[in-house]
Every structure is written in structure tokens, then in C-alpha cells.
N, C-alpha and C. Protein backbone atom coordinates (compact mmCIF):
# COMPACT_ATOMS: atom_id res chain seq x y z
N UNK A 1 -101.44 47.34 74.95
CA UNK A 1 -102.16 46.18 74.46
C UNK A 1 -101.20 45.23 73.75
N UNK A 2 -100.52 44.37 74.49
CA UNK A 2 -99.51 43.50 73.89
C UNK A 2 -100.08 42.51 72.88
N UNK A 3 -101.34 42.11 73.02
CA UNK A 3 -101.92 41.13 72.10
C UNK A 3 -102.83 41.77 71.06
N UNK A 4 -102.71 43.06 70.88
CA UNK A 4 -103.59 43.78 69.94
C UNK A 4 -103.27 43.38 68.50
N UNK A 5 -104.34 43.21 67.72
CA UNK A 5 -104.21 42.92 66.30
C UNK A 5 -104.33 44.24 65.55
N UNK A 6 -103.27 44.62 64.87
CA UNK A 6 -103.25 45.89 64.15
C UNK A 6 -102.95 45.60 62.68
N UNK A 7 -103.83 46.05 61.83
CA UNK A 7 -103.62 45.91 60.38
C UNK A 7 -103.85 47.25 59.71
N UNK A 8 -103.15 47.46 58.62
CA UNK A 8 -103.34 48.67 57.82
C UNK A 8 -103.98 48.28 56.50
N UNK A 9 -104.91 49.11 56.05
CA UNK A 9 -105.59 48.87 54.78
C UNK A 9 -105.44 50.10 53.90
N UNK A 10 -104.97 49.88 52.67
CA UNK A 10 -104.75 50.98 51.73
C UNK A 10 -105.45 50.64 50.42
N UNK A 11 -106.29 51.51 49.96
CA UNK A 11 -106.90 51.38 48.64
C UNK A 11 -106.45 52.57 47.80
N UNK A 12 -105.15 52.61 47.51
CA UNK A 12 -104.55 53.77 46.86
C UNK A 12 -105.20 54.17 45.54
N UNK A 13 -105.53 53.21 44.73
CA UNK A 13 -106.02 53.52 43.39
C UNK A 13 -107.54 53.65 43.32
N UNK A 14 -108.19 53.76 44.46
CA UNK A 14 -109.65 53.84 44.48
C UNK A 14 -110.10 55.14 45.11
N UNK A 15 -111.19 55.66 44.60
CA UNK A 15 -111.76 56.89 45.12
C UNK A 15 -112.58 56.58 46.36
N UNK A 16 -112.69 57.56 47.23
CA UNK A 16 -113.53 57.42 48.42
C UNK A 16 -114.99 57.73 48.14
N UNK A 17 -115.36 57.81 46.84
CA UNK A 17 -116.74 58.17 46.52
C UNK A 17 -117.73 57.08 46.93
N UNK A 18 -117.24 55.85 47.08
CA UNK A 18 -118.11 54.78 47.60
C UNK A 18 -117.29 53.77 48.38
N UNK A 19 -117.95 52.79 48.93
CA UNK A 19 -117.28 51.82 49.79
C UNK A 19 -116.84 50.57 49.02
N UNK A 20 -116.99 50.56 47.72
CA UNK A 20 -116.61 49.41 46.91
C UNK A 20 -115.12 49.49 46.56
N UNK A 21 -114.32 49.11 47.55
CA UNK A 21 -112.87 49.11 47.40
C UNK A 21 -112.37 47.80 47.99
N UNK A 22 -111.48 47.09 47.32
CA UNK A 22 -111.08 45.74 47.75
C UNK A 22 -110.63 45.63 49.20
N UNK A 23 -109.69 46.48 49.61
CA UNK A 23 -109.17 46.35 50.97
C UNK A 23 -110.18 46.85 52.01
N UNK A 24 -110.97 47.84 51.63
CA UNK A 24 -112.01 48.31 52.54
C UNK A 24 -113.02 47.18 52.78
N UNK A 25 -113.41 46.50 51.71
CA UNK A 25 -114.37 45.39 51.85
C UNK A 25 -113.78 44.25 52.67
N UNK A 26 -112.49 43.97 52.47
CA UNK A 26 -111.82 42.94 53.27
C UNK A 26 -111.84 43.32 54.75
N UNK A 27 -111.52 44.58 55.04
CA UNK A 27 -111.51 45.07 56.42
C UNK A 27 -112.91 44.94 57.03
N UNK A 28 -113.94 45.30 56.26
CA UNK A 28 -115.30 45.24 56.79
C UNK A 28 -115.73 43.80 57.09
N UNK A 29 -115.28 42.85 56.26
CA UNK A 29 -115.59 41.44 56.53
C UNK A 29 -114.99 41.02 57.87
N UNK A 30 -113.76 41.45 58.12
CA UNK A 30 -113.10 41.12 59.38
C UNK A 30 -113.76 41.83 60.56
N UNK A 31 -114.21 43.05 60.35
CA UNK A 31 -114.94 43.77 61.41
C UNK A 31 -116.21 43.01 61.76
N UNK A 32 -116.91 42.52 60.75
CA UNK A 32 -118.15 41.76 61.00
C UNK A 32 -117.87 40.44 61.72
N UNK A 33 -116.63 39.93 61.61
CA UNK A 33 -116.25 38.70 62.31
C UNK A 33 -115.63 39.00 63.67
N UNK A 34 -115.77 40.25 64.13
CA UNK A 34 -115.27 40.69 65.44
C UNK A 34 -113.75 40.63 65.58
N UNK A 35 -113.02 40.85 64.49
CA UNK A 35 -111.57 40.90 64.57
C UNK A 35 -111.08 42.19 65.21
N UNK A 36 -111.85 43.27 65.06
CA UNK A 36 -111.40 44.57 65.52
C UNK A 36 -112.41 45.23 66.45
N UNK A 37 -111.88 46.04 67.37
CA UNK A 37 -112.72 46.83 68.28
C UNK A 37 -112.77 48.29 67.87
N UNK A 38 -111.77 48.70 67.08
CA UNK A 38 -111.63 50.11 66.72
C UNK A 38 -111.25 50.22 65.25
N UNK A 39 -111.86 51.19 64.58
CA UNK A 39 -111.45 51.54 63.23
C UNK A 39 -110.80 52.92 63.33
N UNK A 40 -109.50 52.95 63.11
CA UNK A 40 -108.75 54.20 63.20
C UNK A 40 -108.43 54.63 61.78
N UNK A 41 -108.72 55.89 61.48
CA UNK A 41 -108.43 56.40 60.14
C UNK A 41 -107.74 57.74 60.25
N UNK A 42 -106.97 58.07 59.23
CA UNK A 42 -106.20 59.30 59.23
C UNK A 42 -107.12 60.51 59.18
N UNK A 43 -108.05 60.48 58.25
CA UNK A 43 -108.96 61.59 58.04
C UNK A 43 -110.25 61.03 57.47
N UNK A 44 -111.36 61.60 57.84
CA UNK A 44 -112.66 61.06 57.45
C UNK A 44 -112.79 60.89 55.95
N UNK A 45 -112.28 61.83 55.16
CA UNK A 45 -112.45 61.70 53.71
C UNK A 45 -111.59 60.59 53.12
N UNK A 46 -110.71 59.98 53.91
CA UNK A 46 -109.96 58.80 53.46
C UNK A 46 -110.83 57.55 53.58
N UNK A 47 -111.86 57.61 54.42
CA UNK A 47 -112.78 56.48 54.57
C UNK A 47 -113.90 56.59 53.55
N UNK A 48 -114.49 57.78 53.47
CA UNK A 48 -115.60 57.97 52.54
C UNK A 48 -115.75 59.43 52.17
N UNK A 49 -116.15 59.63 50.94
CA UNK A 49 -116.48 60.98 50.46
C UNK A 49 -117.95 61.03 50.11
N UNK A 50 -118.72 60.19 50.77
CA UNK A 50 -120.16 60.15 50.59
C UNK A 50 -120.78 60.16 51.98
N UNK A 51 -121.51 61.24 52.29
CA UNK A 51 -122.03 61.42 53.65
C UNK A 51 -122.95 60.28 54.06
N UNK A 52 -123.84 59.88 53.18
CA UNK A 52 -124.78 58.81 53.52
C UNK A 52 -124.06 57.49 53.78
N UNK A 53 -123.08 57.17 52.92
CA UNK A 53 -122.30 55.94 53.12
C UNK A 53 -121.58 55.97 54.47
N UNK A 54 -121.00 57.11 54.81
CA UNK A 54 -120.27 57.20 56.07
C UNK A 54 -121.21 57.04 57.26
N UNK A 55 -122.40 57.63 57.18
CA UNK A 55 -123.36 57.50 58.27
C UNK A 55 -123.83 56.05 58.41
N UNK A 56 -124.00 55.37 57.27
CA UNK A 56 -124.37 53.95 57.30
C UNK A 56 -123.24 53.13 57.93
N UNK A 57 -122.00 53.46 57.58
CA UNK A 57 -120.85 52.78 58.17
C UNK A 57 -120.83 52.99 59.67
N UNK A 58 -121.03 54.23 60.09
CA UNK A 58 -121.04 54.54 61.52
C UNK A 58 -122.12 53.74 62.24
N UNK A 59 -123.30 53.67 61.64
CA UNK A 59 -124.42 52.91 62.23
C UNK A 59 -124.05 51.42 62.34
N UNK A 60 -123.44 50.88 61.31
CA UNK A 60 -123.02 49.47 61.31
C UNK A 60 -121.99 49.23 62.42
N UNK A 61 -121.01 50.12 62.50
CA UNK A 61 -119.96 49.96 63.51
C UNK A 61 -120.52 50.09 64.93
N UNK A 62 -121.50 50.98 65.11
CA UNK A 62 -122.14 51.11 66.43
C UNK A 62 -122.80 49.80 66.83
N UNK A 63 -123.51 49.18 65.90
CA UNK A 63 -124.18 47.89 66.19
C UNK A 63 -123.18 46.80 66.55
N UNK A 64 -121.99 46.88 65.95
CA UNK A 64 -120.95 45.88 66.19
C UNK A 64 -120.02 46.27 67.35
N UNK A 65 -120.32 47.38 68.02
CA UNK A 65 -119.50 47.90 69.12
C UNK A 65 -118.06 48.16 68.70
N UNK A 66 -117.90 48.71 67.50
CA UNK A 66 -116.58 49.08 66.99
C UNK A 66 -116.51 50.60 67.02
N UNK A 67 -115.50 51.13 67.70
CA UNK A 67 -115.33 52.58 67.81
C UNK A 67 -114.64 53.15 66.58
N UNK A 68 -114.97 54.40 66.28
CA UNK A 68 -114.33 55.14 65.20
C UNK A 68 -113.38 56.16 65.80
N UNK A 69 -112.18 56.25 65.25
CA UNK A 69 -111.22 57.25 65.73
C UNK A 69 -110.56 57.91 64.53
N UNK A 70 -110.66 59.24 64.47
CA UNK A 70 -109.98 60.01 63.45
C UNK A 70 -108.68 60.54 64.04
N UNK A 71 -107.56 60.22 63.42
CA UNK A 71 -106.26 60.65 63.96
C UNK A 71 -106.12 62.16 63.91
N UNK A 72 -106.54 62.78 62.82
CA UNK A 72 -106.28 64.21 62.63
C UNK A 72 -107.43 65.13 63.02
N UNK A 73 -108.66 64.61 63.05
CA UNK A 73 -109.79 65.51 63.25
C UNK A 73 -110.24 65.62 64.71
N UNK A 74 -109.89 64.69 65.53
CA UNK A 74 -110.11 64.80 66.96
C UNK A 74 -111.54 64.90 67.45
N UNK A 75 -112.45 64.19 66.82
CA UNK A 75 -113.82 64.17 67.34
C UNK A 75 -114.15 62.78 67.85
N UNK A 76 -115.09 62.74 68.77
CA UNK A 76 -115.54 61.48 69.34
C UNK A 76 -116.96 61.22 68.86
N UNK A 77 -117.14 60.34 67.86
CA UNK A 77 -118.46 60.12 67.29
C UNK A 77 -119.45 59.42 68.23
N UNK A 78 -118.99 59.04 69.42
CA UNK A 78 -119.92 58.43 70.38
C UNK A 78 -120.72 59.50 71.14
N UNK A 79 -120.29 60.76 71.03
CA UNK A 79 -121.01 61.86 71.69
C UNK A 79 -121.89 62.57 70.65
N UNK A 80 -122.96 63.23 71.10
CA UNK A 80 -123.82 63.97 70.15
C UNK A 80 -123.04 65.02 69.36
N UNK A 81 -122.17 65.77 70.03
CA UNK A 81 -121.38 66.80 69.33
C UNK A 81 -120.40 66.16 68.35
N UNK A 82 -119.81 65.05 68.72
CA UNK A 82 -118.88 64.34 67.84
C UNK A 82 -119.58 63.78 66.62
N UNK A 83 -120.79 63.25 66.83
CA UNK A 83 -121.57 62.72 65.70
C UNK A 83 -121.95 63.86 64.75
N UNK A 84 -122.32 65.02 65.31
CA UNK A 84 -122.65 66.18 64.48
C UNK A 84 -121.42 66.58 63.67
N UNK A 85 -120.27 66.65 64.31
CA UNK A 85 -119.04 67.02 63.62
C UNK A 85 -118.71 66.02 62.52
N UNK A 86 -118.86 64.73 62.82
CA UNK A 86 -118.60 63.68 61.84
C UNK A 86 -119.53 63.85 60.63
N UNK A 87 -120.79 64.12 60.88
CA UNK A 87 -121.76 64.30 59.80
C UNK A 87 -121.40 65.51 58.94
N UNK A 88 -120.99 66.59 59.59
CA UNK A 88 -120.60 67.79 58.84
C UNK A 88 -119.35 67.53 58.00
N UNK A 89 -118.35 66.85 58.57
CA UNK A 89 -117.13 66.56 57.82
C UNK A 89 -117.39 65.62 56.65
N UNK A 90 -118.28 64.65 56.86
CA UNK A 90 -118.65 63.73 55.77
C UNK A 90 -119.33 64.51 54.64
N UNK A 91 -120.18 65.45 54.99
CA UNK A 91 -120.86 66.27 53.98
C UNK A 91 -119.87 67.16 53.24
N UNK A 92 -118.91 67.74 53.95
CA UNK A 92 -117.88 68.57 53.31
C UNK A 92 -117.04 67.72 52.36
N UNK A 93 -116.68 66.51 52.77
CA UNK A 93 -115.88 65.61 51.91
C UNK A 93 -116.65 65.28 50.64
N UNK A 94 -117.95 65.03 50.77
CA UNK A 94 -118.77 64.72 49.60
C UNK A 94 -118.85 65.94 48.67
N UNK A 95 -119.04 67.11 49.25
CA UNK A 95 -119.10 68.33 48.44
C UNK A 95 -117.79 68.53 47.69
N UNK A 96 -116.68 68.32 48.35
CA UNK A 96 -115.37 68.48 47.71
C UNK A 96 -115.20 67.49 46.56
N UNK A 97 -115.63 66.25 46.76
CA UNK A 97 -115.55 65.24 45.69
C UNK A 97 -116.37 65.69 44.49
N UNK A 98 -117.57 66.21 44.74
CA UNK A 98 -118.43 66.67 43.64
C UNK A 98 -117.84 67.90 42.95
N UNK A 99 -117.22 68.78 43.72
CA UNK A 99 -116.57 69.96 43.12
C UNK A 99 -115.41 69.55 42.23
N UNK A 100 -114.61 68.60 42.68
CA UNK A 100 -113.49 68.10 41.88
C UNK A 100 -114.02 67.50 40.58
N UNK A 101 -115.05 66.69 40.69
CA UNK A 101 -115.64 66.06 39.51
C UNK A 101 -116.15 67.11 38.53
N UNK A 102 -116.79 68.15 39.04
CA UNK A 102 -117.30 69.22 38.20
C UNK A 102 -116.16 69.97 37.51
N UNK A 103 -115.07 70.24 38.24
CA UNK A 103 -113.93 70.93 37.65
C UNK A 103 -113.29 70.10 36.53
N UNK A 104 -113.16 68.80 36.77
CA UNK A 104 -112.57 67.92 35.75
C UNK A 104 -113.47 67.89 34.52
N UNK A 105 -114.77 67.74 34.73
CA UNK A 105 -115.72 67.71 33.62
C UNK A 105 -115.69 69.01 32.83
N UNK A 106 -115.67 70.14 33.53
CA UNK A 106 -115.63 71.45 32.87
C UNK A 106 -114.34 71.60 32.07
N UNK A 107 -113.22 71.14 32.64
CA UNK A 107 -111.94 71.22 31.95
C UNK A 107 -111.95 70.36 30.69
N UNK A 108 -112.50 69.17 30.76
CA UNK A 108 -112.57 68.29 29.60
C UNK A 108 -113.43 68.92 28.50
N UNK A 109 -114.55 69.52 28.89
CA UNK A 109 -115.43 70.18 27.92
C UNK A 109 -114.71 71.35 27.26
N UNK A 110 -114.01 72.16 28.05
CA UNK A 110 -113.26 73.30 27.50
C UNK A 110 -112.18 72.82 26.53
N UNK A 111 -111.47 71.73 26.89
CA UNK A 111 -110.44 71.19 26.01
C UNK A 111 -111.05 70.71 24.69
N UNK A 112 -112.20 70.03 24.78
CA UNK A 112 -112.86 69.52 23.58
C UNK A 112 -113.31 70.68 22.69
N UNK A 113 -113.81 71.76 23.29
CA UNK A 113 -114.24 72.93 22.51
C UNK A 113 -113.06 73.58 21.78
N UNK A 114 -111.86 73.45 22.34
CA UNK A 114 -110.66 73.98 21.69
C UNK A 114 -110.08 73.01 20.67
N UNK A 115 -110.73 71.86 20.53
CA UNK A 115 -110.28 70.88 19.54
C UNK A 115 -109.28 69.88 20.07
N UNK A 116 -109.03 69.87 21.38
CA UNK A 116 -108.07 68.92 21.96
C UNK A 116 -108.73 67.54 22.11
N UNK A 117 -107.91 66.51 21.98
CA UNK A 117 -108.36 65.15 22.22
C UNK A 117 -108.33 64.93 23.72
N UNK A 118 -109.45 64.53 24.31
CA UNK A 118 -109.54 64.42 25.76
C UNK A 118 -109.26 63.01 26.29
N UNK A 119 -108.91 62.12 25.40
CA UNK A 119 -108.49 60.79 25.86
C UNK A 119 -109.42 59.68 25.46
N UNK A 120 -109.06 58.50 25.89
CA UNK A 120 -109.81 57.31 25.53
C UNK A 120 -109.17 56.63 24.34
N UNK A 121 -109.86 55.62 23.83
CA UNK A 121 -109.35 54.88 22.67
C UNK A 121 -109.40 55.81 21.45
N UNK A 122 -108.30 55.90 20.75
CA UNK A 122 -108.24 56.74 19.56
C UNK A 122 -109.09 56.10 18.47
N UNK A 123 -109.98 56.88 17.86
CA UNK A 123 -110.86 56.31 16.82
C UNK A 123 -110.07 55.82 15.61
N UNK A 124 -110.61 54.79 14.98
CA UNK A 124 -110.00 54.26 13.76
C UNK A 124 -109.91 55.39 12.73
N UNK A 125 -108.74 55.49 12.08
CA UNK A 125 -108.55 56.52 11.07
C UNK A 125 -107.85 57.76 11.60
N UNK A 126 -107.57 57.78 12.90
CA UNK A 126 -106.94 58.94 13.53
C UNK A 126 -105.77 58.50 14.40
N UNK A 127 -104.93 59.46 14.72
CA UNK A 127 -103.88 59.25 15.72
C UNK A 127 -103.86 60.48 16.62
N UNK A 128 -103.52 60.28 17.88
CA UNK A 128 -103.42 61.39 18.83
C UNK A 128 -102.00 61.93 18.76
N UNK A 129 -101.87 63.23 18.50
CA UNK A 129 -100.54 63.84 18.43
C UNK A 129 -100.49 65.07 19.31
N UNK A 130 -99.30 65.50 19.62
CA UNK A 130 -99.13 66.70 20.43
C UNK A 130 -98.53 66.38 21.78
N UNK A 131 -98.45 67.40 22.61
CA UNK A 131 -97.90 67.25 23.95
C UNK A 131 -98.94 66.69 24.89
N UNK A 132 -98.47 66.11 25.99
CA UNK A 132 -99.37 65.55 27.00
C UNK A 132 -100.32 66.63 27.50
N UNK A 133 -101.61 66.33 27.50
CA UNK A 133 -102.62 67.29 27.96
C UNK A 133 -103.07 68.24 26.86
N UNK A 134 -102.35 68.30 25.76
CA UNK A 134 -102.71 69.18 24.63
C UNK A 134 -102.64 68.37 23.34
N UNK A 135 -103.30 67.24 23.33
CA UNK A 135 -103.26 66.38 22.16
C UNK A 135 -104.42 66.69 21.23
N UNK A 136 -104.17 66.44 19.97
CA UNK A 136 -105.18 66.62 18.93
C UNK A 136 -105.31 65.32 18.18
N UNK A 137 -106.46 65.14 17.52
CA UNK A 137 -106.60 64.00 16.63
C UNK A 137 -106.17 64.43 15.25
N UNK A 138 -105.36 63.60 14.63
CA UNK A 138 -104.88 63.87 13.28
C UNK A 138 -105.28 62.68 12.42
N UNK A 139 -105.84 62.96 11.26
CA UNK A 139 -106.25 61.89 10.36
C UNK A 139 -105.04 61.12 9.85
N UNK A 140 -105.16 59.79 9.84
CA UNK A 140 -104.13 58.95 9.22
C UNK A 140 -104.54 58.81 7.76
N UNK A 141 -103.67 59.15 6.86
CA UNK A 141 -104.02 59.24 5.44
C UNK A 141 -104.78 58.02 4.91
N UNK A 142 -104.18 56.84 5.00
CA UNK A 142 -104.80 55.64 4.42
C UNK A 142 -106.05 55.22 5.20
N UNK A 143 -105.98 55.22 6.53
CA UNK A 143 -107.11 54.78 7.35
C UNK A 143 -108.27 55.76 7.33
N UNK A 144 -107.98 57.05 7.16
CA UNK A 144 -109.04 58.06 7.22
C UNK A 144 -110.06 57.86 6.10
N UNK A 145 -109.59 57.54 4.91
CA UNK A 145 -110.51 57.29 3.79
C UNK A 145 -111.40 56.08 4.09
N UNK A 146 -110.80 55.06 4.70
CA UNK A 146 -111.57 53.88 5.09
C UNK A 146 -112.59 54.27 6.16
N UNK A 147 -112.17 55.07 7.15
CA UNK A 147 -113.09 55.51 8.21
C UNK A 147 -114.27 56.27 7.63
N UNK A 148 -114.03 57.13 6.65
CA UNK A 148 -115.12 57.87 6.01
C UNK A 148 -116.10 56.91 5.33
N UNK A 149 -115.56 55.90 4.63
CA UNK A 149 -116.45 54.95 3.97
C UNK A 149 -117.24 54.11 4.98
N UNK A 150 -116.63 53.83 6.13
CA UNK A 150 -117.34 53.09 7.20
C UNK A 150 -118.52 53.92 7.69
N UNK A 151 -118.28 55.21 7.94
CA UNK A 151 -119.38 56.09 8.37
C UNK A 151 -120.47 56.17 7.31
N UNK A 152 -120.07 56.32 6.04
CA UNK A 152 -121.06 56.40 4.95
C UNK A 152 -121.89 55.13 4.89
N UNK A 153 -121.22 53.97 5.05
CA UNK A 153 -121.95 52.69 5.04
C UNK A 153 -122.94 52.63 6.21
N UNK A 154 -122.47 53.06 7.38
CA UNK A 154 -123.37 53.04 8.54
C UNK A 154 -124.61 53.92 8.29
N UNK A 155 -124.41 55.11 7.75
CA UNK A 155 -125.55 56.02 7.53
C UNK A 155 -126.52 55.45 6.49
N UNK A 156 -126.02 54.61 5.57
CA UNK A 156 -126.90 53.97 4.59
C UNK A 156 -127.72 52.85 5.23
N UNK A 157 -127.05 51.98 6.01
CA UNK A 157 -127.76 50.81 6.57
C UNK A 157 -128.30 51.03 7.97
N UNK A 158 -127.79 52.02 8.69
CA UNK A 158 -128.21 52.36 10.06
C UNK A 158 -128.15 51.17 11.01
N UNK A 159 -127.11 50.35 10.85
CA UNK A 159 -126.93 49.18 11.71
C UNK A 159 -125.45 49.02 12.04
N UNK A 160 -125.14 49.05 13.32
CA UNK A 160 -123.75 48.87 13.74
C UNK A 160 -123.28 47.45 13.44
N UNK A 161 -124.14 46.46 13.68
CA UNK A 161 -123.76 45.07 13.42
C UNK A 161 -123.50 44.83 11.94
N UNK A 162 -124.38 45.36 11.08
CA UNK A 162 -124.18 45.20 9.64
C UNK A 162 -122.93 45.92 9.18
N UNK A 163 -122.64 47.08 9.78
CA UNK A 163 -121.45 47.83 9.42
C UNK A 163 -120.19 47.06 9.83
N UNK A 164 -120.21 46.46 11.02
CA UNK A 164 -119.06 45.68 11.48
C UNK A 164 -118.82 44.48 10.55
N UNK A 165 -119.88 43.83 10.13
CA UNK A 165 -119.76 42.71 9.20
C UNK A 165 -119.19 43.20 7.86
N UNK A 166 -119.70 44.31 7.37
CA UNK A 166 -119.23 44.91 6.12
C UNK A 166 -117.75 45.27 6.22
N UNK A 167 -117.31 45.80 7.36
CA UNK A 167 -115.89 46.16 7.57
C UNK A 167 -115.01 44.92 7.44
N UNK A 168 -115.47 43.80 8.04
CA UNK A 168 -114.70 42.55 7.97
C UNK A 168 -114.60 42.07 6.52
N UNK A 169 -115.74 42.08 5.82
CA UNK A 169 -115.78 41.56 4.46
C UNK A 169 -115.04 42.47 3.48
N UNK A 170 -115.17 43.77 3.64
CA UNK A 170 -114.60 44.73 2.68
C UNK A 170 -113.14 45.04 2.95
N UNK A 171 -112.80 45.25 4.21
CA UNK A 171 -111.44 45.72 4.54
C UNK A 171 -110.65 44.75 5.42
N UNK A 172 -111.28 43.67 5.86
CA UNK A 172 -110.60 42.75 6.74
C UNK A 172 -110.39 43.30 8.14
N UNK A 173 -111.21 44.29 8.52
CA UNK A 173 -111.11 44.92 9.84
C UNK A 173 -112.08 44.21 10.77
N UNK A 174 -111.56 43.55 11.78
CA UNK A 174 -112.41 42.86 12.76
C UNK A 174 -112.49 43.67 14.02
N UNK A 175 -113.60 44.29 14.23
CA UNK A 175 -113.84 45.07 15.45
C UNK A 175 -115.18 44.64 16.01
N UNK A 176 -115.25 44.60 17.33
CA UNK A 176 -116.52 44.32 17.98
C UNK A 176 -117.47 45.48 17.64
N UNK A 177 -118.72 45.19 17.29
CA UNK A 177 -119.65 46.27 16.94
C UNK A 177 -119.77 47.37 18.01
N UNK A 178 -119.56 47.02 19.27
CA UNK A 178 -119.69 48.03 20.33
C UNK A 178 -118.55 49.05 20.29
N UNK A 179 -117.44 48.73 19.59
CA UNK A 179 -116.33 49.68 19.52
C UNK A 179 -116.44 50.58 18.31
């Protein structure tokens, strides 16, 4: 095919848990404009790790007469057996994504139970110390006393907005109430 249009799309920093990925969406716009006849992918779980999303994609591509080709899995989704295989592989990919998510969640819970800091913005009055993956929160001497008084004020007034205003007036700390 000397005049074939071949493009590669990579969404490296995005999960296959859904189809909301910049380059995937760009590719789909071009598919809808009839730029491509075939969608070739390395492995089904690189396209989607959600069985329903993948089946919807397959249905859309069928309507647009765009063929699906898996480089490594070797099934033909235009045949009943190939469609069955595709459905099974999409379900396995989704199950694997959910298992990974469960393992990460369980690991974070176990770390928190051991007193490790599991990440995110370090709360005011603390600093994260320790080795990577084994960090703890340590109170900052001067800020910790202020943090305690902030909590005490909040428990008295029961208002995040009033507490944020009080922090600005009392300590000159400007933080958005949502933080």
C-alpha cells in the first residue's frame, strides 16, 4: 500500500481503564472522518481495560467499516469465534485492572495502619520524613502548635470557612478552605 496513511498513537501516562485519553480521542476523531480503514493495536489491554468500553468501540468501528487487528493476540473480531475471544480478553484485561487497583488500595491501607505516610499534600504542621515508600509524618515544632490551635478552633466553630478566615487573621496563613 504505497499511499497508506500510517500513524502511531501513544497515551503513555494514561490508564486503559477508560477511553478518555488525548491521543486515543484524536485517533477516534480521525477514524470518524474516514482517515483509517484499520485500527492495529499491540495488545487488547493497550486499547482498553474495560470490557464494555471495548465492545462499544468494536461496535462503532464495525459501523464505520474499520477493522480491528491485534498484533500479538491473533484473533479476527469479524468472525463469531474472534468476537468471543475479543470479549473474553477484554473481560480479563478489566479484571486485571481491578485486581491491580485492589492490591494498591490494600497496600496503602496496610502502610497507613503501620503509621506510614501514604502520600499527597503534607498537612500543615507536619513534614514527611524517611525513605521513599516508608515515609512518616513528623510534627514541625513551631507549626504543630499552630495546627493544634487550628483544629481546636474548627471544633469550636464547626466551620471550615470561618476557620480559614481565623487562620488568616490570627496567623497570617492564607489557605483555601477546601485545603
